[in-house]
Amino acid sequence: MPHFLMTTIPYLPTPHIFLTLPHELRTAILVCRLWCSCGMDLLWSRPQFQNTGVAQKMIQTLALPRTIFPYADYIRRLNLSFLGPDVTDEMLVRFSPCTRLERLLLPGSVHATEGALERILANCSSGLLSLDLSEIPCVTDSLIKHVARECPGLHTLYLGSCPALTDEAIVKVAKGCPLLKRIKLTQCALLTDRSILALTRCCPQLIEMDLSSCSLITNNAVQAVFETLPQVRDVNLTLITNLTHLAFSSIHPSTNRFEQLRILNFTSCIHLTDDILTRIIPAAPRLRSLALTKCDKITDLGAGVIKFLGKHLHYLHLGHCAKITDRLMISLAQHCTRIRYLDLACCSKLTDATLFALAQLPKLRRIGLVKCSNITDHGLYALLVTKVLPQTLERVHLSYCVNLSDVAVAALVNQCCKLTHLSLTGVPAFMSPRYQIFCRSPPPEFTAYQRYVFCVFSGRGVRELRQSMQDHPSTVAGGSESQDGSDSEMGLEDERDPRLSSPGALTPIMDKSSEGVVGRDRARALPDGDDDEDAGES
């Protein structure tokens, strides 16, 4: 090679070449020994298990007595989240030779036992950075104490729905894993303030805390989170029913700033008041997702400060905040112009004026208006007039909006080209068989009446409904006239979808940074609820 080329071409490490060619690794490893060595390391570092068959083939390879390459040493990220209930003790034991694991994701492995978990953790503890043991019944204090003792470099620990855990284990984690950045303790009902105080005191780098459904937690723990963790990004306080204004009494927007806070979930915090919002919202000016579902004491006065979030706010959940009015929504639409996801279920005071305001939002993709019974055809037409929303709307929830006609809904379906989900449960105009044939089947656990009023169109159903309305426009003319509306309008407020009993049904899943638990963001960040037929209804 000419000397001038050797001096001008920068040195490029071989692994960097592979990182730019992710789909060519299998070919690249045939080039030479050096490329083979680097390529095999990258190829096996994070295997993908979409089904048990793939996992069994890899286990068979790892079990071979003699192999050309040390495959077990290559695996650094083991994600079995897609297998869930199919994960067995034998499978975990077979993966125990993987001593270089950095991320171990086992959520939903309900058949795993404590002994198998201890065995796979025994060999990889020292380098482990992320661990997800959510929804594994056998996770006990003794196992978590082992993690705290043997995994000092742990950054992420997800322990959601591990009901046997107590303060003893979490305090050990706090002391043994000072580098912890993310922890999820969803539905760990035995935990008290002691656990949270230990975490805030010993883990100063915490940026994500999920404390949803930890019913014994009080104001003292929540106050400690906001007083000692100014860098916090994601806080989930769903169903912390003991939470009151005292938890935020020390926060003053002029002196306390949470510039990194992006996700804040107060779902079903029944004592949340306007005063709390006027303290925390101005102090967190870059909030991206705010959930206030079932905070029924919130009024226009307190929620009015949300407008100061401006362009930063993308996801807003106000379901069951029955006191808010059109005045608030008009103000929010004027200031928060980048809202993408909006839940207004059961906000019974809202009228068509709200939809006139929302029609100006250029990025709105999903909207929940379940049981907003004052919404009429005029509101739907308003959404379409600007020609903005028809290009963005993907999911619309209009269940129990009993004043809508099939004519207006047809206009919505025909003009919104990206629409993939439409719920019209309990809308009299859509109880006709000519529409029901395109509706997806109701869940088998529904009662006879719930099955009767069920009307949800998803994916192919939306496309077929649109095609039918375009092919037979004459049939779209007040379909409710052929129905006996008395049955349709009786008891709708009392009909519940059992799958929507969980709080925050409309919350979205946000992206996590690479330091989090890769591939298992089912978490939190607020469950999406897209599979529910009526967003926000409960």
Protein backbone atom coordinates (compact mmCIF):
# COMPACT_ATOMS: atom_id res chain seq x y z
CA MET A 1 0.00 0.00 0.00
CA PRO A 2 1.38 3.46 -0.87
CA HIS A 3 2.85 5.29 2.11
CA PHE A 4 0.57 8.34 1.73
CA LEU A 5 -2.51 6.08 1.98
CA MET A 6 -1.18 4.38 5.09
CA THR A 7 -0.71 7.75 6.77
CA THR A 8 -4.07 9.22 5.79
CA ILE A 9 -6.48 6.32 6.36
CA PRO A 10 -7.45 6.31 10.06
CA TYR A 11 -7.16 3.11 12.07
CA LEU A 12 -10.55 1.41 12.32
CA PRO A 13 -10.87 -1.38 14.89
CA THR A 14 -12.32 -4.55 13.41
CA PRO A 15 -15.39 -4.66 15.74
CA HIS A 16 -16.41 -1.22 14.45
CA ILE A 17 -16.54 -2.64 10.94
CA PHE A 18 -18.91 -5.34 12.11
CA LEU A 19 -21.12 -2.87 13.95
CA THR A 20 -21.73 -1.07 10.66
CA LEU A 21 -22.68 -4.35 8.95
CA PRO A 22 -25.06 -6.08 11.39
CA HIS A 23 -26.71 -8.21 8.74
CA GLU A 24 -23.44 -9.44 7.27
CA LEU A 25 -21.87 -10.99 10.34
CA ARG A 26 -22.29 -14.56 9.16
CA THR A 27 -20.46 -13.74 5.95
CA ALA A 28 -17.81 -11.60 7.64
CA ILE A 29 -16.67 -14.39 9.98
CA LEU A 30 -15.47 -16.34 6.94
CA VAL A 31 -12.93 -13.67 5.91
CA CYS A 32 -10.07 -14.50 8.28
CA ARG A 33 -9.31 -15.61 11.83
CA LEU A 34 -9.29 -12.09 13.26
CA TRP A 35 -12.64 -11.25 11.70
CA CYS A 36 -13.99 -14.62 12.77
CA SER A 37 -12.98 -14.04 16.38
CA CYS A 38 -14.57 -10.58 16.53
CA GLY A 39 -17.59 -11.60 14.50
CA MET A 40 -18.46 -14.64 16.61
CA ASP A 41 -18.29 -12.53 19.75
CA LEU A 42 -20.77 -10.03 18.30
CA LEU A 43 -22.98 -12.69 16.70
CA TRP A 44 -23.51 -14.53 19.97
CA SER A 45 -23.46 -11.58 22.37
CA ARG A 46 -27.23 -11.04 22.36
CA PRO A 47 -29.08 -14.08 20.95
CA GLN A 48 -32.75 -13.67 20.01
CA PHE A 49 -35.27 -16.18 21.36
CA GLN A 50 -38.64 -15.76 19.66
CA ASN A 51 -39.80 -19.27 20.57
CA THR A 52 -38.75 -22.27 22.63
CA GLY A 53 -37.46 -24.12 19.56
CA VAL A 54 -34.71 -21.59 19.02
CA ALA A 55 -33.81 -21.67 22.70
CA GLN A 56 -33.59 -25.47 22.70
CA LYS A 57 -31.24 -25.46 19.69
CA MET A 58 -28.91 -23.03 21.45
CA ILE A 59 -29.03 -25.09 24.63
CA GLN A 60 -28.03 -28.18 22.65
CA THR A 61 -25.07 -26.27 21.21
CA LEU A 62 -23.96 -25.10 24.65
CA ALA A 63 -24.21 -28.67 25.96
CA LEU A 64 -21.79 -30.12 23.36
CA PRO A 65 -18.69 -31.60 25.04
CA ARG A 66 -16.26 -30.10 22.51
CA THR A 67 -16.81 -26.97 20.42
CA ILE A 68 -14.58 -24.84 18.20
CA PHE A 69 -15.65 -21.64 19.95
CA PRO A 70 -16.45 -20.90 23.63
CA TYR A 71 -20.07 -19.99 22.87
CA ALA A 72 -21.13 -19.58 26.50
CA ASP A 73 -18.45 -16.94 27.03
CA TYR A 74 -19.77 -14.91 24.11
CA ILE A 75 -23.31 -14.44 25.51
CA ARG A 76 -23.62 -11.15 27.38
CA ARG A 77 -27.34 -10.40 27.07
CA LEU A 78 -29.78 -13.22 27.79
CA ASN A 79 -33.37 -12.14 27.13
CA LEU A 80 -35.97 -14.86 27.79
CA SER A 81 -38.87 -12.44 28.17
CA PHE A 82 -40.55 -13.73 25.00
CA LEU A 83 -40.66 -17.26 26.42
CA GLY A 84 -42.16 -16.38 29.81
CA PRO A 85 -44.12 -19.39 31.12
CA ASP A 86 -42.13 -21.75 28.88
CA VAL A 87 -38.91 -21.12 30.79
CA THR A 88 -38.02 -24.16 32.90
CA ASP A 89 -35.43 -24.92 35.52
CA GLU A 90 -33.59 -27.17 33.08
CA MET A 91 -33.33 -24.30 30.60
CA LEU A 92 -31.92 -21.96 33.25
CA VAL A 93 -29.39 -24.54 34.40
CA ARG A 94 -28.23 -25.07 30.81
CA PHE A 95 -27.51 -21.34 30.54
CA SER A 96 -25.59 -21.26 33.83
CA PRO A 97 -22.17 -21.63 32.06
CA CYS A 98 -22.69 -18.11 30.63
CA THR A 99 -20.28 -16.36 32.98
CA ARG A 100 -20.04 -13.00 31.15
CA LEU A 101 -23.71 -12.05 31.36
CA GLU A 102 -24.37 -8.33 31.68
CA ARG A 103 -28.15 -8.41 31.25
CA LEU A 104 -30.43 -11.21 32.38
CA LEU A 105 -34.13 -10.82 31.61
CA LEU A 106 -36.50 -13.48 32.96
CA PRO A 107 -39.87 -11.74 33.47
CA GLY A 108 -42.90 -13.98 33.66
CA SER A 109 -40.90 -17.18 34.24
CA VAL A 110 -43.59 -18.47 36.57
CA HIS A 111 -42.34 -22.07 36.56
CA ALA A 112 -38.78 -21.22 37.60
CA THR A 113 -37.69 -22.18 41.09
CA GLU A 114 -35.40 -20.37 43.48
CA GLY A 115 -32.70 -23.03 43.14
CA ALA A 116 -32.45 -22.65 39.37
CA LEU A 117 -32.34 -18.87 39.63
CA GLU A 118 -29.57 -19.05 42.21
CA ARG A 119 -27.56 -21.35 39.96
CA ILE A 120 -27.69 -19.09 36.88
CA LEU A 121 -26.92 -16.04 39.03
CA ALA A 122 -24.01 -17.71 40.82
CA ASN A 123 -21.70 -17.67 37.80
CA CYS A 124 -22.48 -14.25 36.35
CA SER A 125 -23.08 -12.05 39.36
CA SER A 126 -19.89 -9.99 39.30
CA GLY A 127 -20.48 -8.45 35.87
CA LEU A 128 -24.27 -8.26 35.90
CA LEU A 129 -25.68 -4.80 35.11
CA SER A 130 -29.40 -5.43 34.50
CA LEU A 131 -31.69 -8.02 36.07
CA ASP A 132 -35.42 -8.50 35.49
CA LEU A 133 -37.18 -10.99 37.78
CA SER A 134 -40.66 -9.51 37.45
CA GLU A 135 -43.69 -11.75 37.89
CA ILE A 136 -41.74 -14.71 39.23
CA PRO A 137 -43.55 -16.04 42.32
CA CYS A 138 -40.53 -17.84 43.76
CA VAL A 139 -38.48 -14.65 44.16
CA THR A 140 -37.92 -14.26 47.88
CA ASP A 141 -35.84 -12.19 50.25
CA SER A 142 -33.04 -14.77 50.30
CA LEU A 143 -32.59 -14.64 46.51
CA ILE A 144 -32.58 -10.84 46.42
CA LYS A 145 -30.11 -10.74 49.31
CA HIS A 146 -27.83 -12.95 47.20
CA VAL A 147 -28.17 -10.45 44.34
CA ALA A 148 -27.37 -7.56 46.67
CA ARG A 149 -24.30 -9.35 47.95
CA GLU A 150 -22.92 -10.64 44.64
CA CYS A 151 -23.92 -7.94 42.10
CA PRO A 152 -22.35 -4.67 43.30
CA GLY A 153 -22.33 -3.16 39.80
CA LEU A 154 -26.05 -3.61 39.17
CA HIS A 155 -27.67 -0.65 37.37
CA THR A 156 -31.19 -1.95 36.76
CA LEU A 157 -33.36 -4.20 38.92
CA TYR A 158 -36.97 -5.02 38.03
CA LEU A 159 -38.92 -6.87 40.74
CA GLY A 160 -42.50 -6.07 39.78
CA SER A 161 -45.20 -8.46 41.05
CA CYS A 162 -42.92 -10.28 43.47
CA PRO A 163 -45.33 -10.17 46.42
CA ALA A 164 -43.14 -12.07 48.90
CA LEU A 165 -40.44 -9.37 49.07
CA THR A 166 -40.06 -7.38 52.27
CA ASP A 167 -38.07 -4.37 53.43
CA GLU A 168 -35.20 -6.60 54.54
CA ALA A 169 -34.31 -7.53 50.96
CA ILE A 170 -34.68 -4.05 49.45
CA VAL A 171 -32.58 -2.46 52.19
CA LYS A 172 -29.83 -4.99 51.40
CA VAL A 173 -30.10 -4.07 47.71
CA ALA A 174 -29.79 -0.39 48.53
CA LYS A 175 -26.62 -0.97 50.54
CA GLY A 176 -25.08 -3.57 48.23
CA CYS A 177 -25.83 -1.92 44.88
CA PRO A 178 -24.97 1.77 45.25
CA LEU A 179 -24.76 2.25 41.45
CA LEU A 180 -28.43 1.37 40.97
CA LYS A 181 -30.19 3.63 38.47
CA ARG A 182 -33.51 1.90 37.84
CA ILE A 183 -35.72 -0.12 40.14
CA LYS A 184 -39.24 -1.41 39.72
CA LEU A 185 -41.20 -2.56 42.76
CA THR A 186 -44.69 -2.75 41.27
CA GLN A 187 -47.21 -4.60 43.47
CA CYS A 188 -44.68 -5.44 46.16
CA ALA A 189 -47.39 -4.90 48.73
CA LEU A 190 -45.27 -5.64 51.83
CA LEU A 191 -42.80 -2.81 51.23
CA THR A 192 -42.95 0.28 53.44
CA ASP A 193 -41.22 3.65 53.63
CA ARG A 194 -38.15 1.93 55.03
CA SER A 195 -37.26 0.47 51.63
CA ILE A 196 -37.70 3.72 49.75
CA LEU A 197 -35.76 5.77 52.29
CA ALA A 198 -32.86 3.30 52.07
CA LEU A 199 -32.84 3.50 48.27
CA THR A 200 -32.86 7.29 48.17
CA ARG A 201 -30.11 7.45 50.79
CA CYS A 202 -27.76 4.78 49.40
CA CYS A 203 -28.40 4.98 45.64
CA PRO A 204 -27.85 8.61 44.65
CA GLN A 205 -27.83 7.84 40.91
CA LEU A 206 -31.43 6.58 40.77
CA ILE A 207 -33.31 7.97 37.77
CA GLU A 208 -36.29 5.60 37.58
CA MET A 209 -38.54 4.40 40.41
CA ASP A 210 -41.72 2.41 39.93
CA LEU A 211 -43.63 2.20 43.21
CA SER A 212 -47.08 1.52 41.79
CA SER A 213 -49.49 -0.41 44.02
CA CYS A 214 -47.12 -0.34 47.00
CA SER A 215 -50.03 0.58 49.24
CA LEU A 216 -48.04 0.93 52.49
CA ILE A 217 -45.88 3.76 51.17
CA THR A 218 -46.68 7.17 52.67
CA ASN A 219 -45.86 10.82 52.16
CA ASN A 220 -42.46 10.47 53.86
CA ALA A 221 -41.11 8.12 51.19
CA VAL A 222 -42.40 10.19 48.27
CA GLN A 223 -41.02 13.36 49.84
CA ALA A 224 -37.59 11.71 50.14
CA VAL A 225 -37.63 10.78 46.44
CA PHE A 226 -38.10 14.37 45.34
CA GLU A 227 -35.84 15.89 47.97
CA THR A 228 -32.80 13.64 47.41
CA LEU A 229 -33.05 12.71 43.71
CA PRO A 230 -33.17 15.92 41.67
CA GLN A 231 -31.94 14.00 38.60
CA VAL A 232 -34.89 11.56 38.62
CA ARG A 233 -36.47 10.98 35.17
CA ASP A 234 -39.32 8.54 35.71
CA VAL A 235 -41.56 8.21 38.78
CA ASN A 236 -44.60 5.95 38.95
CA LEU A 237 -46.83 6.47 41.98
CA THR A 238 -49.93 4.66 40.69
CA LEU A 239 -52.36 3.65 43.45
CA ILE A 240 -50.34 5.21 46.27
CA THR A 241 -53.60 6.00 48.04
CA ASN A 242 -51.89 7.50 51.11
CA LEU A 243 -50.34 10.27 49.03
CA THR A 244 -51.42 13.79 50.00
CA HIS A 245 -50.23 17.36 49.52
CA LEU A 246 -47.80 16.94 52.44
CA ALA A 247 -45.48 14.87 50.24
CA PHE A 248 -44.84 17.95 48.08
CA SER A 249 -45.02 20.67 50.70
CA SER A 250 -41.27 21.31 50.52
CA ILE A 251 -41.22 21.77 46.73
CA HIS A 252 -41.03 25.35 45.49
CA PRO A 253 -40.59 25.91 41.74
CA SER A 254 -38.20 28.78 42.40
CA THR A 255 -35.75 26.59 44.34
CA ASN A 256 -36.54 23.00 43.33
CA ARG A 257 -36.01 22.04 39.71
CA PHE A 258 -36.41 18.62 38.17
CA GLU A 259 -35.03 19.36 34.73
CA GLN A 260 -34.58 15.65 33.89
CA LEU A 261 -38.05 14.49 34.95
CA ARG A 262 -39.85 13.13 31.88
CA ILE A 263 -42.49 10.68 33.13
CA LEU A 264 -44.77 11.23 36.13
CA ASN A 265 -47.67 8.90 36.92
CA PHE A 266 -50.23 9.81 39.60
CA THR A 267 -52.94 7.37 38.42
CA SER A 268 -55.52 6.68 41.14
CA CYS A 269 -53.83 8.91 43.70
CA ILE A 270 -57.26 9.85 44.98
CA HIS A 271 -56.08 12.61 47.31
CA LEU A 272 -54.16 14.50 44.63
CA THR A 273 -55.29 18.13 44.56
CA ASP A 274 -54.78 21.28 42.56
CA ASP A 275 -52.19 22.44 45.09
CA ILE A 276 -49.91 19.50 44.32
CA LEU A 277 -50.05 20.20 40.58
CA THR A 278 -49.23 23.88 41.07
CA ARG A 279 -46.07 22.81 42.93
CA ILE A 280 -44.73 19.89 40.94
CA ILE A 281 -45.58 20.87 37.34
CA PRO A 282 -43.74 24.23 37.27
CA ALA A 283 -40.76 22.51 38.93
CA ALA A 284 -40.59 19.89 36.14
CA PRO A 285 -40.78 22.00 32.98
CA ARG A 286 -39.75 19.20 30.59
CA LEU A 287 -42.32 16.56 31.48
CA ARG A 288 -43.15 14.42 28.48
CA SER A 289 -45.76 12.10 29.97
CA LEU A 290 -48.22 13.02 32.71
CA ALA A 291 -50.88 10.63 34.03
CA LEU A 292 -53.63 11.97 36.29
CA THR A 293 -56.20 9.26 35.61
CA LYS A 294 -58.82 8.95 38.37
CA CYS A 295 -57.51 11.96 40.25
CA ASP A 296 -61.06 13.23 40.51
CA LYS A 297 -60.28 16.23 42.73
CA ILE A 298 -58.38 17.96 39.94
CA THR A 299 -60.09 21.02 38.48
CA ASP A 300 -59.37 23.49 35.71
CA LEU A 301 -57.60 25.72 38.22
CA GLY A 302 -54.89 23.23 39.14
CA ALA A 303 -54.64 21.46 35.79
CA GLY A 304 -54.22 24.83 34.12
CA VAL A 305 -50.51 24.81 34.98
CA ILE A 306 -50.04 21.90 32.59
CA LYS A 307 -50.04 24.40 29.74
CA PHE A 308 -46.62 25.63 30.88
CA LEU A 309 -45.13 22.31 29.74
CA GLY A 310 -45.72 23.57 26.21
CA LYS A 311 -44.10 21.63 23.40
CA HIS A 312 -42.46 19.15 25.80
CA LEU A 313 -45.74 17.41 26.68
CA HIS A 314 -46.48 14.41 24.43
CA TYR A 315 -48.69 12.12 26.53
CA LEU A 316 -51.50 13.33 28.77
CA HIS A 317 -53.97 11.19 30.70
CA LEU A 318 -56.94 12.91 32.32
CA GLY A 319 -59.40 10.02 32.32
CA HIS A 320 -62.06 10.20 35.07
CA CYS A 321 -61.09 13.77 35.98
CA ALA A 322 -64.76 14.63 35.89
CA LYS A 323 -64.37 18.27 36.98
CA ILE A 324 -62.34 19.49 34.02
CA THR A 325 -64.12 21.47 31.32
CA ASP A 326 -63.73 22.71 27.77
CA ARG A 327 -61.95 25.79 29.07
CA LEU A 328 -58.97 23.71 30.22
CA MET A 329 -58.76 21.71 27.01
CA ILE A 330 -58.88 24.81 24.82
CA SER A 331 -55.98 26.28 26.79
CA LEU A 332 -53.93 23.07 26.60
CA ALA A 333 -54.51 22.75 22.85
CA GLN A 334 -53.20 26.28 22.35
CA HIS A 335 -50.01 25.79 24.37
CA CYS A 336 -49.17 22.05 24.24
CA THR A 337 -49.10 21.69 20.49
CA ARG A 338 -47.12 18.44 20.35
CA ILE A 339 -49.54 16.21 22.26
CA ARG A 340 -49.62 12.79 20.63
CA TYR A 341 -51.66 10.73 23.05
CA LEU A 342 -54.65 12.08 24.96
CA ASP A 343 -57.03 10.26 27.30
CA LEU A 344 -60.20 12.10 28.30
CA ALA A 345 -62.35 9.09 29.18
CA CYS A 346 -65.31 9.82 31.47
CA CYS A 347 -64.68 13.58 31.45
CA SER A 348 -68.42 14.13 31.28
CA LYS A 349 -68.34 17.94 31.14
CA LEU A 350 -66.46 18.06 27.86
CA THR A 351 -68.38 19.03 24.74
CA ASP A 352 -67.77 19.53 21.04
CA ALA A 353 -65.82 22.69 21.91
CA THR A 354 -62.96 20.47 23.10
CA LEU A 355 -62.81 18.67 19.75
CA PHE A 356 -62.80 22.00 17.90
CA ALA A 357 -59.68 22.90 19.92
CA LEU A 358 -57.99 19.51 19.52
CA ALA A 359 -58.40 19.69 15.75
CA GLN A 360 -55.41 22.06 15.70
CA LEU A 361 -52.97 19.53 17.17
CA PRO A 362 -50.68 18.48 14.30
CA LYS A 363 -49.21 15.37 15.99
CA LEU A 364 -52.22 13.83 17.74
CA ARG A 365 -52.26 10.09 17.05
CA ARG A 366 -54.48 8.60 19.71
CA ILE A 367 -57.43 10.01 21.58
CA GLY A 368 -59.73 8.47 24.19
CA LEU A 369 -63.21 9.95 24.54
CA VAL A 370 -64.95 6.99 26.21
CA LYS A 371 -68.22 8.07 27.89
CA CYS A 372 -67.85 11.70 26.86
CA SER A 373 -71.57 11.64 26.19
CA ASN A 374 -71.81 15.32 25.21
CA ILE A 375 -69.77 14.71 22.07
CA THR A 376 -71.87 14.88 18.92
CA ASP A 377 -71.42 14.66 15.17
CA HIS A 378 -70.40 18.32 15.09
CA GLY A 379 -67.33 17.49 17.18
CA LEU A 380 -66.24 14.68 14.86
CA TYR A 381 -66.67 16.88 11.81
CA ALA A 382 -64.57 19.54 13.54
CA LEU A 383 -61.69 17.06 13.84
CA LEU A 384 -61.73 16.64 10.07
CA VAL A 385 -62.13 20.21 8.92
CA THR A 386 -58.50 21.28 9.33
CA LYS A 387 -57.14 18.38 7.25
CA VAL A 388 -54.46 17.97 9.93
CA LEU A 389 -55.76 15.15 12.14
CA PRO A 390 -56.92 12.95 9.25
CA GLN A 391 -53.24 12.54 8.40
CA THR A 392 -52.15 11.58 11.93
CA LEU A 393 -54.96 9.85 13.87
CA GLU A 394 -54.29 6.13 14.42
CA ARG A 395 -56.50 5.11 17.34
CA VAL A 396 -59.81 6.64 18.38
CA HIS A 397 -61.89 5.49 21.33
CA LEU A 398 -65.53 6.65 21.17
CA SER A 399 -67.28 3.98 23.22
CA TYR A 400 -70.52 5.07 24.89
CA CYS A 401 -70.58 8.38 23.01
CA VAL A 402 -74.26 7.70 22.45
CA ASN A 403 -75.03 10.82 20.40
CA LEU A 404 -72.85 9.87 17.44
CA SER A 405 -74.33 8.79 14.14
CA ASP A 406 -72.86 6.37 11.65
CA VAL A 407 -72.71 9.18 9.09
CA ALA A 408 -70.21 11.18 11.16
CA VAL A 409 -68.19 8.11 12.06
CA ALA A 410 -68.09 7.14 8.38
CA ALA A 411 -66.55 10.52 7.60
CA LEU A 412 -63.94 9.88 10.29
CA VAL A 413 -63.14 6.40 9.00
CA ASN A 414 -62.94 7.46 5.36
CA GLN A 415 -60.76 10.50 5.89
CA CYS A 416 -58.35 9.16 8.53
CA CYS A 417 -56.12 7.05 6.30
CA LYS A 418 -53.86 5.88 9.15
CA LEU A 419 -56.67 4.72 11.44
CA THR A 420 -55.97 1.23 12.79
CA HIS A 421 -58.23 1.05 15.85
CA LEU A 422 -61.75 2.37 16.47
CA SER A 423 -63.86 1.51 19.51
CA LEU A 424 -67.60 2.20 19.38
CA THR A 425 -68.89 -0.06 22.14
CA GLY A 426 -72.31 1.03 23.34
CA VAL A 427 -72.90 3.46 20.46
CA PRO A 428 -76.49 2.70 19.29
CA ALA A 429 -75.78 3.53 15.64
CA PHE A 430 -73.26 0.68 15.47
CA MET A 431 -75.28 -2.14 16.97
CA SER A 432 -76.51 -3.01 13.51
CA PRO A 433 -75.41 -6.37 12.02
CA ARG A 434 -74.10 -4.58 8.93
CA TYR A 435 -71.33 -3.10 11.08
CA GLN A 436 -70.93 -5.93 13.59
CA ILE A 437 -69.62 -8.28 10.90
CA PHE A 438 -66.42 -6.22 10.75
CA CYS A 439 -66.06 -6.03 14.54
CA ARG A 440 -63.57 -8.26 16.31
CA SER A 441 -64.89 -10.95 18.65
CA PRO A 442 -65.50 -9.95 22.28
CA PRO A 443 -63.48 -11.70 24.99
CA PRO A 444 -65.08 -14.95 26.16
CA GLU A 445 -65.30 -13.78 29.78
CA PHE A 446 -67.73 -10.98 28.88
CA THR A 447 -71.34 -11.17 30.01
CA ALA A 448 -74.17 -11.47 27.51
CA TYR A 449 -74.88 -7.75 27.67
CA GLN A 450 -71.22 -6.80 27.32
CA ARG A 451 -70.98 -9.01 24.26
CA TYR A 452 -74.12 -7.39 22.84
CA VAL A 453 -72.81 -3.82 23.07
CA PHE A 454 -69.20 -4.70 22.20
CA CYS A 455 -68.05 -2.96 19.02
CA VAL A 456 -64.33 -2.63 18.35
CA PHE A 457 -62.63 -2.48 14.96
CA SER A 458 -58.90 -3.20 14.71
CA GLY A 459 -56.50 -3.56 11.80
CA ARG A 460 -58.25 -5.53 9.09
CA GLY A 461 -61.64 -4.75 10.62
CA VAL A 462 -61.06 -1.01 10.15
CA ARG A 463 -60.03 -1.51 6.53
CA GLU A 464 -63.06 -3.66 5.78
CA LEU A 465 -65.39 -1.20 7.52
CA ARG A 466 -63.95 1.64 5.46
CA GLN A 467 -64.32 -0.32 2.23
CA SER A 468 -67.92 -1.23 3.04
CA MET A 469 -68.83 2.38 3.79
CA GLN A 470 -67.25 3.50 0.54
CA ASP A 471 -68.89 0.75 -1.53
CA HIS A 472 -72.37 1.21 -0.01
CA PRO A 473 -72.68 4.87 1.02
CA SER A 474 -76.48 4.71 0.87
CA THR A 475 -76.57 2.30 3.83
CA VAL A 476 -74.71 4.80 6.01
CA ALA A 477 -77.63 6.90 7.12
CA GLY A 478 -78.56 6.80 10.74
CA GLY A 479 -78.21 3.11 11.45
CA SER A 480 -79.60 3.65 14.92
CA GLU A 481 -83.07 4.19 13.46
CA SER A 482 -83.46 0.47 12.99
CA GLN A 483 -82.44 -0.20 16.58
CA ASP A 484 -84.41 -0.01 19.76
CA GLY A 485 -82.34 2.67 21.43
CA SER A 486 -83.86 2.07 24.87
CA ASP A 487 -81.70 -0.98 25.57
CA SER A 488 -78.61 0.71 24.20
CA GLU A 489 -78.82 3.72 26.41
CA MET A 490 -79.70 1.96 29.64
CA GLY A 491 -77.02 1.08 32.12
CA LEU A 492 -74.08 2.00 29.92
CA GLU A 493 -72.37 3.81 32.76
CA ASP A 494 -72.59 0.67 34.87
CA GLU A 495 -71.16 -1.68 32.29
CA ARG A 496 -67.50 -2.35 32.99
CA ASP A 497 -64.84 -3.98 30.95
CA PRO A 498 -63.10 -6.35 33.40
CA ARG A 499 -59.80 -6.02 31.53
CA LEU A 500 -59.67 -2.31 32.25
CA SER A 501 -59.73 -2.50 36.00
CA SER A 502 -56.03 -1.72 36.17
CA PRO A 503 -55.10 1.96 36.46
CA GLY A 504 -53.43 3.84 33.68
CA ALA A 505 -54.98 1.80 30.89
CA LEU A 506 -54.16 4.44 28.33
CA THR A 507 -50.58 5.06 29.25
CA PRO A 508 -47.91 4.65 26.65
CA ILE A 509 -44.71 2.75 26.66
CA MET A 510 -41.79 5.11 26.51
CA ASP A 511 -38.39 4.28 25.21
CA LYS A 512 -35.73 3.47 27.75
CA SER A 513 -32.11 4.33 27.48
CA SER A 514 -29.58 1.63 26.69
CA GLU A 515 -28.73 1.33 30.35
CA GLY A 516 -32.18 -0.01 31.15
CA VAL A 517 -33.49 -3.49 30.79
CA VAL A 518 -33.22 -4.12 27.08
CA GLY A 519 -36.17 -5.70 25.34
CA ARG A 520 -38.52 -5.61 28.31
CA ASP A 521 -39.92 -2.13 28.40
CA ARG A 522 -43.25 -3.62 29.11
CA ALA A 523 -42.78 -1.95 32.10
CA ARG A 524 -43.73 0.80 33.00
CA ALA A 525 -43.55 3.33 31.49
CA LEU A 526 -47.07 3.19 31.68
CA PRO A 527 -48.90 0.20 30.13
CA ASP A 528 -50.27 1.06 26.79
CA GLY A 529 -53.78 -0.30 26.91
CA ASP A 530 -54.01 -0.50 23.13
CA ASP A 531 -55.44 -3.99 23.38
CA ASP A 532 -58.36 -2.77 25.44
CA GLU A 533 -61.49 -2.09 23.55
CA ASP A 534 -62.31 1.03 25.51
CA ALA A 535 -59.32 3.15 26.37
CA GLY A 536 -59.53 4.61 29.80
CA GLU A 537 -62.79 2.98 30.78
CA SER A 538 -62.92 1.16 34.03
